[in-house]
Amino acid sequence: MKILVVEDEDTIREVEKAYLSRAGFSVDEASDGKSALELFSKNKYDLIVLDLNLPEIDGINVCKEIRKLSQVPVIMVTARVEEIDEIIGLEIGADDYIKKPFSPSVLIARVQSILRRTGHEVIETGGLSIDPERMIIAIKGKEIELTTTQFNILYTLAKRPGKVFTRSEILDYAYDETLPNDVLDRTVDAHVKSIRKAIEPNPKKPKYLLTVIGKGYKFNDELK
């Protein structure tokens, strides 16, 4: 399995790489956010260890960019307790966090735990199947075509059933550019309409993607 380590402190990065390699992982490394995104665009990773405070592009924005394209597991690394609150509060899509200083054995344990928990996880609920590894959507075994953006929107919501996402949050995960608020609303609504048309038995009475009036959208958490 292949891991990307993103850390601007050389000593810490080399220690992380050494222990992960010793644990049997193939490891690439980057010392800044820009280099990390360049590596990510050219390679397929099973997990990313991402420092929060990076030159060029900080860890939060690196994670946001990654989430527009992939649901690869991300462990955020931070030196300050208050930054942990920021990671959690922003809900940027990180799967876990570790506070510096930490034992390399703790890092290995977290990595292995997340890979066991998230590796190739297919969501199956209410006759709907979402395979993030192969980017395949199916309804009762029949494959459905969605664009990459639509797939990312559906997977983002389905991964956290019951959680209400604002339109802005949805596009943070799934879209490549900043849009004015009125355009933003129309863009998300258009994508949701297309997704519903593709997956819902009755798009006018959706059972998967539910509208929360005045707030946004959520994935139905009461499906059997």
C-alpha atoms as a PDB file:
ATOM      1  CA  MET A   1       0.000   0.000   0.000  1.00  0.00           C
ATOM      2  CA  LYS A   2       1.185   3.501  -0.843  1.00  0.00           C
ATOM      3  CA  ILE A   3       1.245   6.466   1.555  1.00  0.00           C
ATOM      4  CA  LEU A   4       2.033  10.142   0.978  1.00  0.00           C
ATOM      5  CA  VAL A   5       3.741  11.923   3.894  1.00  0.00           C
ATOM      6  CA  VAL A   6       3.493  15.729   3.787  1.00  0.00           C
ATOM      7  CA  GLU A   7       5.664  17.454   6.407  1.00  0.00           C
ATOM      8  CA  ASP A   8       7.891  20.533   6.161  1.00  0.00           C
ATOM      9  CA  GLU A   9      10.169  19.552   9.076  1.00  0.00           C
ATOM     10  CA  ASP A  10      12.831  17.311   7.533  1.00  0.00           C
ATOM     11  CA  THR A  11      13.609  15.294  10.670  1.00  0.00           C
ATOM     12  CA  ILE A  12       9.964  14.488  11.412  1.00  0.00           C
ATOM     13  CA  ARG A  13       9.275  13.626   7.782  1.00  0.00           C
ATOM     14  CA  GLU A  14      12.223  11.245   7.595  1.00  0.00           C
ATOM     15  CA  VAL A  15      11.202   9.517  10.842  1.00  0.00           C
ATOM     16  CA  GLU A  16       7.631   9.088   9.597  1.00  0.00           C
ATOM     17  CA  LYS A  17       8.884   7.717   6.290  1.00  0.00           C
ATOM     18  CA  ALA A  18      11.322   5.317   7.971  1.00  0.00           C
ATOM     19  CA  TYR A  19       8.743   3.817  10.331  1.00  0.00           C
ATOM     20  CA  LEU A  20       6.051   3.535   7.672  1.00  0.00           C
ATOM     21  CA  SER A  21       8.521   1.864   5.307  1.00  0.00           C
ATOM     22  CA  ARG A  22       9.553  -0.527   8.065  1.00  0.00           C
ATOM     23  CA  ALA A  23       5.863  -1.376   8.559  1.00  0.00           C
ATOM     24  CA  GLY A  24       5.688  -2.456   4.923  1.00  0.00           C
ATOM     25  CA  PHE A  25       4.277   0.646   3.238  1.00  0.00           C
ATOM     26  CA  SER A  26       5.575   2.311   0.088  1.00  0.00           C
ATOM     27  CA  VAL A  27       6.104   5.993   0.967  1.00  0.00           C
ATOM     28  CA  ASP A  28       6.329   9.198  -1.070  1.00  0.00           C
ATOM     29  CA  GLU A  29       7.167  12.470   0.655  1.00  0.00           C
ATOM     30  CA  ALA A  30       6.532  16.181   0.144  1.00  0.00           C
ATOM     31  CA  SER A  31       7.757  19.171   2.151  1.00  0.00           C
ATOM     32  CA  ASP A  32       5.068  21.688   1.136  1.00  0.00           C
ATOM     33  CA  GLY A  33       1.442  21.804   0.066  1.00  0.00           C
ATOM     34  CA  LYS A  34       2.091  22.587  -3.583  1.00  0.00           C
ATOM     35  CA  SER A  35       4.424  19.609  -4.011  1.00  0.00           C
ATOM     36  CA  ALA A  36       1.923  17.394  -2.198  1.00  0.00           C
ATOM     37  CA  LEU A  37      -0.860  18.264  -4.640  1.00  0.00           C
ATOM     38  CA  GLU A  38       1.462  17.712  -7.604  1.00  0.00           C
ATOM     39  CA  LEU A  39       2.361  14.238  -6.318  1.00  0.00           C
ATOM     40  CA  PHE A  40      -1.281  13.479  -5.573  1.00  0.00           C
ATOM     41  CA  SER A  41      -2.297  14.392  -9.130  1.00  0.00           C
ATOM     42  CA  LYS A  42       0.200  11.901 -10.581  1.00  0.00           C
ATOM     43  CA  ASN A  43      -0.102   8.980  -8.144  1.00  0.00           C
ATOM     44  CA  LYS A  44      -2.698   6.826  -6.411  1.00  0.00           C
ATOM     45  CA  TYR A  45      -2.350   6.745  -2.620  1.00  0.00           C
ATOM     46  CA  ASP A  46      -4.072   4.581  -0.021  1.00  0.00           C
ATOM     47  CA  LEU A  47      -3.599   7.168   2.748  1.00  0.00           C
ATOM     48  CA  ILE A  48      -2.090  10.635   3.304  1.00  0.00           C
ATOM     49  CA  VAL A  49      -0.341  11.866   6.466  1.00  0.00           C
ATOM     50  CA  LEU A  50      -0.716  15.651   6.234  1.00  0.00           C
ATOM     51  CA  ASP A  51       0.820  18.332   8.453  1.00  0.00           C
ATOM     52  CA  LEU A  52      -1.450  21.317   9.094  1.00  0.00           C
ATOM     53  CA  ASN A  53       1.183  24.068   8.940  1.00  0.00           C
ATOM     54  CA  LEU A  54       2.836  23.890   5.528  1.00  0.00           C
ATOM     55  CA  PRO A  55       4.524  26.421   3.254  1.00  0.00           C
ATOM     56  CA  GLU A  56       3.002  27.285  -0.150  1.00  0.00           C
ATOM     57  CA  ILE A  57      -0.450  25.823   0.632  1.00  0.00           C
ATOM     58  CA  ASP A  58      -1.493  24.935   4.195  1.00  0.00           C
ATOM     59  CA  GLY A  59      -2.779  21.522   5.213  1.00  0.00           C
ATOM     60  CA  ILE A  60      -6.429  22.573   5.443  1.00  0.00           C
ATOM     61  CA  ASN A  61      -6.486  23.768   1.839  1.00  0.00           C
ATOM     62  CA  VAL A  62      -4.489  20.764   0.644  1.00  0.00           C
ATOM     63  CA  CYS A  63      -7.106  18.510   2.255  1.00  0.00           C
ATOM     64  CA  LYS A  64      -9.941  20.481   0.651  1.00  0.00           C
ATOM     65  CA  GLU A  65      -8.337  20.165  -2.786  1.00  0.00           C
ATOM     66  CA  ILE A  66      -7.845  16.430  -2.302  1.00  0.00           C
ATOM     67  CA  ARG A  67     -11.473  16.008  -1.230  1.00  0.00           C
ATOM     68  CA  LYS A  68     -12.649  17.541  -4.509  1.00  0.00           C
ATOM     69  CA  LEU A  69     -11.123  14.565  -6.297  1.00  0.00           C
ATOM     70  CA  SER A  70     -10.892  11.672  -3.865  1.00  0.00           C
ATOM     71  CA  GLN A  71     -12.028  10.161  -0.576  1.00  0.00           C
ATOM     72  CA  VAL A  72      -8.554   8.804   0.223  1.00  0.00           C
ATOM     73  CA  PRO A  73      -8.066   8.650   4.034  1.00  0.00           C
ATOM     74  CA  VAL A  74      -6.223  11.674   5.486  1.00  0.00           C
ATOM     75  CA  ILE A  75      -4.555  11.924   8.903  1.00  0.00           C
ATOM     76  CA  MET A  76      -3.882  15.549   9.905  1.00  0.00           C
ATOM     77  CA  VAL A  77      -0.844  16.295  12.065  1.00  0.00           C
ATOM     78  CA  THR A  78      -0.740  19.420  14.235  1.00  0.00           C
ATOM     79  CA  ALA A  79       1.422  20.901  16.984  1.00  0.00           C
ATOM     80  CA  ARG A  80      -1.265  22.922  18.779  1.00  0.00           C
ATOM     81  CA  VAL A  81      -4.396  21.837  20.640  1.00  0.00           C
ATOM     82  CA  GLU A  82      -6.430  24.785  19.315  1.00  0.00           C
ATOM     83  CA  GLU A  83      -5.751  23.604  15.770  1.00  0.00           C
ATOM     84  CA  ILE A  84      -7.429  20.284  16.564  1.00  0.00           C
ATOM     85  CA  ASP A  85     -10.637  22.206  17.291  1.00  0.00           C
ATOM     86  CA  GLU A  86     -10.222  23.963  13.948  1.00  0.00           C
ATOM     87  CA  ILE A  87      -9.791  20.660  12.094  1.00  0.00           C
ATOM     88  CA  ILE A  88     -12.925  19.239  13.704  1.00  0.00           C
ATOM     89  CA  GLY A  89     -14.943  22.461  13.451  1.00  0.00           C
ATOM     90  CA  LEU A  90     -14.235  23.017   9.775  1.00  0.00           C
ATOM     91  CA  GLU A  91     -15.140  19.430   8.932  1.00  0.00           C
ATOM     92  CA  ILE A  92     -12.623  19.544   6.110  1.00  0.00           C
ATOM     93  CA  GLY A  93     -12.781  15.830   5.491  1.00  0.00           C
ATOM     94  CA  ALA A  94      -9.828  14.581   7.541  1.00  0.00           C
ATOM     95  CA  ASP A  95     -10.352  11.059   8.884  1.00  0.00           C
ATOM     96  CA  ASP A  96      -8.194  11.472  12.000  1.00  0.00           C
ATOM     97  CA  TYR A  97      -5.617  13.754  13.619  1.00  0.00           C
ATOM     98  CA  ILE A  98      -2.445  13.351  15.661  1.00  0.00           C
ATOM     99  CA  LYS A  99      -0.915  15.971  17.953  1.00  0.00           C
ATOM    100  CA  LYS A 100       2.840  16.551  17.923  1.00  0.00           C
ATOM    101  CA  PRO A 101       4.980  15.269  19.457  1.00  0.00           C
ATOM    102  CA  PHE A 102       3.873  11.682  18.921  1.00  0.00           C
ATOM    103  CA  SER A 103       5.456   8.251  19.009  1.00  0.00           C
ATOM    104  CA  PRO A 104       6.041   6.676  15.569  1.00  0.00           C
ATOM    105  CA  SER A 105       4.286   3.560  16.878  1.00  0.00           C
ATOM    106  CA  VAL A 106       1.151   5.667  17.463  1.00  0.00           C
ATOM    107  CA  LEU A 107       1.279   6.855  13.858  1.00  0.00           C
ATOM    108  CA  ILE A 108       1.606   3.286  12.576  1.00  0.00           C
ATOM    109  CA  ALA A 109      -1.317   2.144  14.746  1.00  0.00           C
ATOM    110  CA  ARG A 110      -3.530   4.999  13.483  1.00  0.00           C
ATOM    111  CA  VAL A 111      -2.610   4.323   9.858  1.00  0.00           C
ATOM    112  CA  GLN A 112      -3.341   0.616  10.152  1.00  0.00           C
ATOM    113  CA  SER A 113      -6.612   1.257  11.983  1.00  0.00           C
ATOM    114  CA  ILE A 114      -7.883   3.703   9.356  1.00  0.00           C
ATOM    115  CA  LEU A 115      -6.877   1.455   6.470  1.00  0.00           C
ATOM    116  CA  ARG A 116      -8.762  -1.433   8.073  1.00  0.00           C
ATOM    117  CA  ARG A 117     -11.780   0.798   8.595  1.00  0.00           C
ATOM    118  CA  THR A 118     -11.892   2.604   5.256  1.00  0.00           C
ATOM    119  CA  GLY A 119     -10.070   0.437   2.766  1.00  0.00           C
ATOM    120  CA  HIS A 120     -12.237  -0.255  -0.277  1.00  0.00           C
ATOM    121  CA  GLU A 121     -15.369   0.448   1.762  1.00  0.00           C
ATOM    122  CA  VAL A 122     -18.468   0.069  -0.397  1.00  0.00           C
ATOM    123  CA  ILE A 123     -21.586   1.833   0.876  1.00  0.00           C
ATOM    124  CA  GLU A 124     -24.714  -0.289   0.479  1.00  0.00           C
ATOM    125  CA  THR A 125     -28.076   1.003   1.655  1.00  0.00           C
ATOM    126  CA  GLY A 126     -31.653   0.902   0.420  1.00  0.00           C
ATOM    127  CA  GLY A 127     -30.699  -0.884  -2.792  1.00  0.00           C
ATOM    128  CA  LEU A 128     -28.037   1.729  -3.584  1.00  0.00           C
ATOM    129  CA  SER A 129     -24.369   0.709  -3.863  1.00  0.00           C
ATOM    130  CA  ILE A 130     -21.480   3.215  -3.975  1.00  0.00           C
ATOM    131  CA  ASP A 131     -17.971   1.903  -4.668  1.00  0.00           C
ATOM    132  CA  PRO A 132     -15.463   4.748  -4.069  1.00  0.00           C
ATOM    133  CA  GLU A 133     -12.470   2.732  -5.224  1.00  0.00           C
ATOM    134  CA  ARG A 134     -13.898   2.082  -8.700  1.00  0.00           C
ATOM    135  CA  MET A 135     -16.216   5.130  -8.693  1.00  0.00           C
ATOM    136  CA  ILE A 136     -19.229   2.967  -9.526  1.00  0.00           C
ATOM    137  CA  ILE A 137     -22.835   3.663  -8.528  1.00  0.00           C
ATOM    138  CA  ALA A 138     -25.440   0.911  -8.820  1.00  0.00           C
ATOM    139  CA  ILE A 139     -29.148   0.601  -8.041  1.00  0.00           C
ATOM    140  CA  LYS A 140     -30.134  -3.009  -7.314  1.00  0.00           C
ATOM    141  CA  GLY A 141     -27.112  -4.165  -9.303  1.00  0.00           C
ATOM    142  CA  LYS A 142     -27.675  -1.877 -12.300  1.00  0.00           C
ATOM    143  CA  GLU A 143     -24.818   0.592 -12.838  1.00  0.00           C
ATOM    144  CA  ILE A 144     -25.724   4.283 -13.006  1.00  0.00           C
ATOM    145  CA  GLU A 145     -23.719   6.957 -14.812  1.00  0.00           C
ATOM    146  CA  LEU A 146     -22.774  10.106 -12.896  1.00  0.00           C
ATOM    147  CA  THR A 147     -20.164  12.782 -13.527  1.00  0.00           C
ATOM    148  CA  THR A 148     -17.153  12.933 -11.187  1.00  0.00           C
ATOM    149  CA  THR A 149     -18.613  15.958  -9.409  1.00  0.00           C
ATOM    150  CA  GLN A 150     -21.975  14.245  -8.978  1.00  0.00           C
ATOM    151  CA  PHE A 151     -20.274  11.091  -7.692  1.00  0.00           C
ATOM    152  CA  ASN A 152     -18.303  13.140  -5.150  1.00  0.00           C
ATOM    153  CA  ILE A 153     -21.458  14.909  -3.961  1.00  0.00           C
ATOM    154  CA  LEU A 154     -23.384  11.664  -3.538  1.00  0.00           C
ATOM    155  CA  TYR A 155     -20.500   9.854  -1.831  1.00  0.00           C
ATOM    156  CA  THR A 156     -19.807  12.788   0.504  1.00  0.00           C
ATOM    157  CA  LEU A 157     -23.414  12.800   1.728  1.00  0.00           C
ATOM    158  CA  ALA A 158     -23.825   9.008   1.799  1.00  0.00           C
ATOM    159  CA  LYS A 159     -20.676   8.599   3.893  1.00  0.00           C
ATOM    160  CA  ARG A 160     -22.314  10.640   6.680  1.00  0.00           C
ATOM    161  CA  PRO A 161     -26.034   9.781   6.574  1.00  0.00           C
ATOM    162  CA  GLY A 162     -28.204  12.206   8.512  1.00  0.00           C
ATOM    163  CA  LYS A 163     -25.637  15.019   8.520  1.00  0.00           C
ATOM    164  CA  VAL A 164     -26.946  18.203   6.911  1.00  0.00           C
ATOM    165  CA  PHE A 165     -24.501  19.738   4.420  1.00  0.00           C
ATOM    166  CA  THR A 166     -24.845  23.348   3.297  1.00  0.00           C
ATOM    167  CA  ARG A 167     -24.416  24.052  -0.404  1.00  0.00           C
ATOM    168  CA  SER A 168     -21.076  25.699   0.337  1.00  0.00           C
ATOM    169  CA  GLU A 169     -19.833  22.609   2.196  1.00  0.00           C
ATOM    170  CA  ILE A 170     -20.938  20.357  -0.643  1.00  0.00           C
ATOM    171  CA  LEU A 171     -18.995  22.346  -3.225  1.00  0.00           C
ATOM    172  CA  ASP A 172     -15.922  22.502  -0.983  1.00  0.00           C
ATOM    173  CA  TYR A 173     -15.728  18.729  -1.377  1.00  0.00           C
ATOM    174  CA  ALA A 174     -16.799  18.398  -4.973  1.00  0.00           C
ATOM    175  CA  TYR A 175     -16.056  21.485  -7.070  1.00  0.00           C
ATOM    176  CA  ASP A 176     -12.941  23.168  -8.428  1.00  0.00           C
ATOM    177  CA  GLU A 177     -13.679  26.882  -8.190  1.00  0.00           C
ATOM    178  CA  THR A 178     -15.129  29.551  -5.929  1.00  0.00           C
ATOM    179  CA  LEU A 179     -18.556  30.694  -7.070  1.00  0.00           C
ATOM    180  CA  PRO A 180     -20.818  33.630  -6.123  1.00  0.00           C
ATOM    181  CA  ASN A 181     -23.531  32.583  -3.676  1.00  0.00           C
ATOM    182  CA  ASP A 182     -26.408  32.774  -6.157  1.00  0.00           C
ATOM    183  CA  VAL A 183     -24.475  30.726  -8.719  1.00  0.00           C
ATOM    184  CA  LEU A 184     -23.329  28.347  -5.962  1.00  0.00           C
ATOM    185  CA  ASP A 185     -26.932  27.580  -4.966  1.00  0.00           C
ATOM    186  CA  ARG A 186     -27.991  26.959  -8.554  1.00  0.00           C
ATOM    187  CA  THR A 187     -24.954  24.757  -9.236  1.00  0.00           C
ATOM    188  CA  VAL A 188     -25.551  22.472  -6.248  1.00  0.00           C
ATOM    189  CA  ASP A 189     -29.281  22.322  -6.889  1.00  0.00           C
ATOM    190  CA  ALA A 190     -28.662  21.393 -10.534  1.00  0.00           C
ATOM    191  CA  HIS A 191     -26.255  18.607  -9.530  1.00  0.00           C
ATOM    192  CA  VAL A 192     -28.673  17.254  -6.919  1.00  0.00           C
ATOM    193  CA  LYS A 193     -31.493  17.320  -9.470  1.00  0.00           C
ATOM    194  CA  SER A 194     -29.336  15.299 -11.892  1.00  0.00           C
ATOM    195  CA  ILE A 195     -28.322  12.816  -9.182  1.00  0.00           C
ATOM    196  CA  ARG A 196     -31.947  12.328  -8.151  1.00  0.00           C
ATOM    197  CA  LYS A 197     -32.966  11.787 -11.756  1.00  0.00           C
ATOM    198  CA  ALA A 198     -30.310   9.080 -12.024  1.00  0.00           C
ATOM    199  CA  ILE A 199     -30.825   7.215  -8.737  1.00  0.00           C
ATOM    200  CA  GLU A 200     -34.261   7.969  -7.309  1.00  0.00           C
ATOM    201  CA  PRO A 201     -37.287   5.768  -8.159  1.00  0.00           C
ATOM    202  CA  ASN A 202     -39.337   8.981  -7.994  1.00  0.00           C
ATOM    203  CA  PRO A 203     -37.142  12.114  -8.200  1.00  0.00           C
ATOM    204  CA  LYS A 204     -40.042  14.292  -7.024  1.00  0.00           C
ATOM    205  CA  LYS A 205     -40.283  12.231  -3.821  1.00  0.00           C
ATOM    206  CA  PRO A 206     -36.625  11.367  -3.132  1.00  0.00           C
ATOM    207  CA  LYS A 207     -35.707   8.622  -0.692  1.00  0.00           C
ATOM    208  CA  TYR A 208     -31.897   8.979  -0.832  1.00  0.00           C
ATOM    209  CA  LEU A 209     -30.996  12.681  -1.134  1.00  0.00           C
ATOM    210  CA  LEU A 210     -33.269  14.747   1.085  1.00  0.00           C
ATOM    211  CA  THR A 211     -33.719  18.520   1.077  1.00  0.00           C
ATOM    212  CA  VAL A 212     -33.447  20.291   4.434  1.00  0.00           C
ATOM    213  CA  ILE A 213     -35.308  23.545   3.830  1.00  0.00           C
ATOM    214  CA  GLY A 214     -33.236  26.640   4.526  1.00  0.00           C
ATOM    215  CA  LYS A 215     -30.080  24.612   5.170  1.00  0.00           C
ATOM    216  CA  GLY A 216     -29.055  22.254   2.381  1.00  0.00           C
ATOM    217  CA  TYR A 217     -29.128  18.516   1.784  1.00  0.00           C
ATOM    218  CA  LYS A 218     -28.588  15.263   3.643  1.00  0.00           C
ATOM    219  CA  PHE A 219     -28.476  11.554   2.843  1.00  0.00           C
ATOM    220  CA  ASN A 220     -31.382   9.635   4.333  1.00  0.00           C
ATOM    221  CA  ASP A 221     -30.237   7.878   7.526  1.00  0.00           C
ATOM    222  CA  GLU A 222     -33.427   5.793   7.882  1.00  0.00           C
ATOM    223  CA  LEU A 223     -32.961   3.510   4.874  1.00  0.00           C
ATOM    224  CA  LYS A 224     -33.067  -0.244   5.348  1.00  0.00           C
END
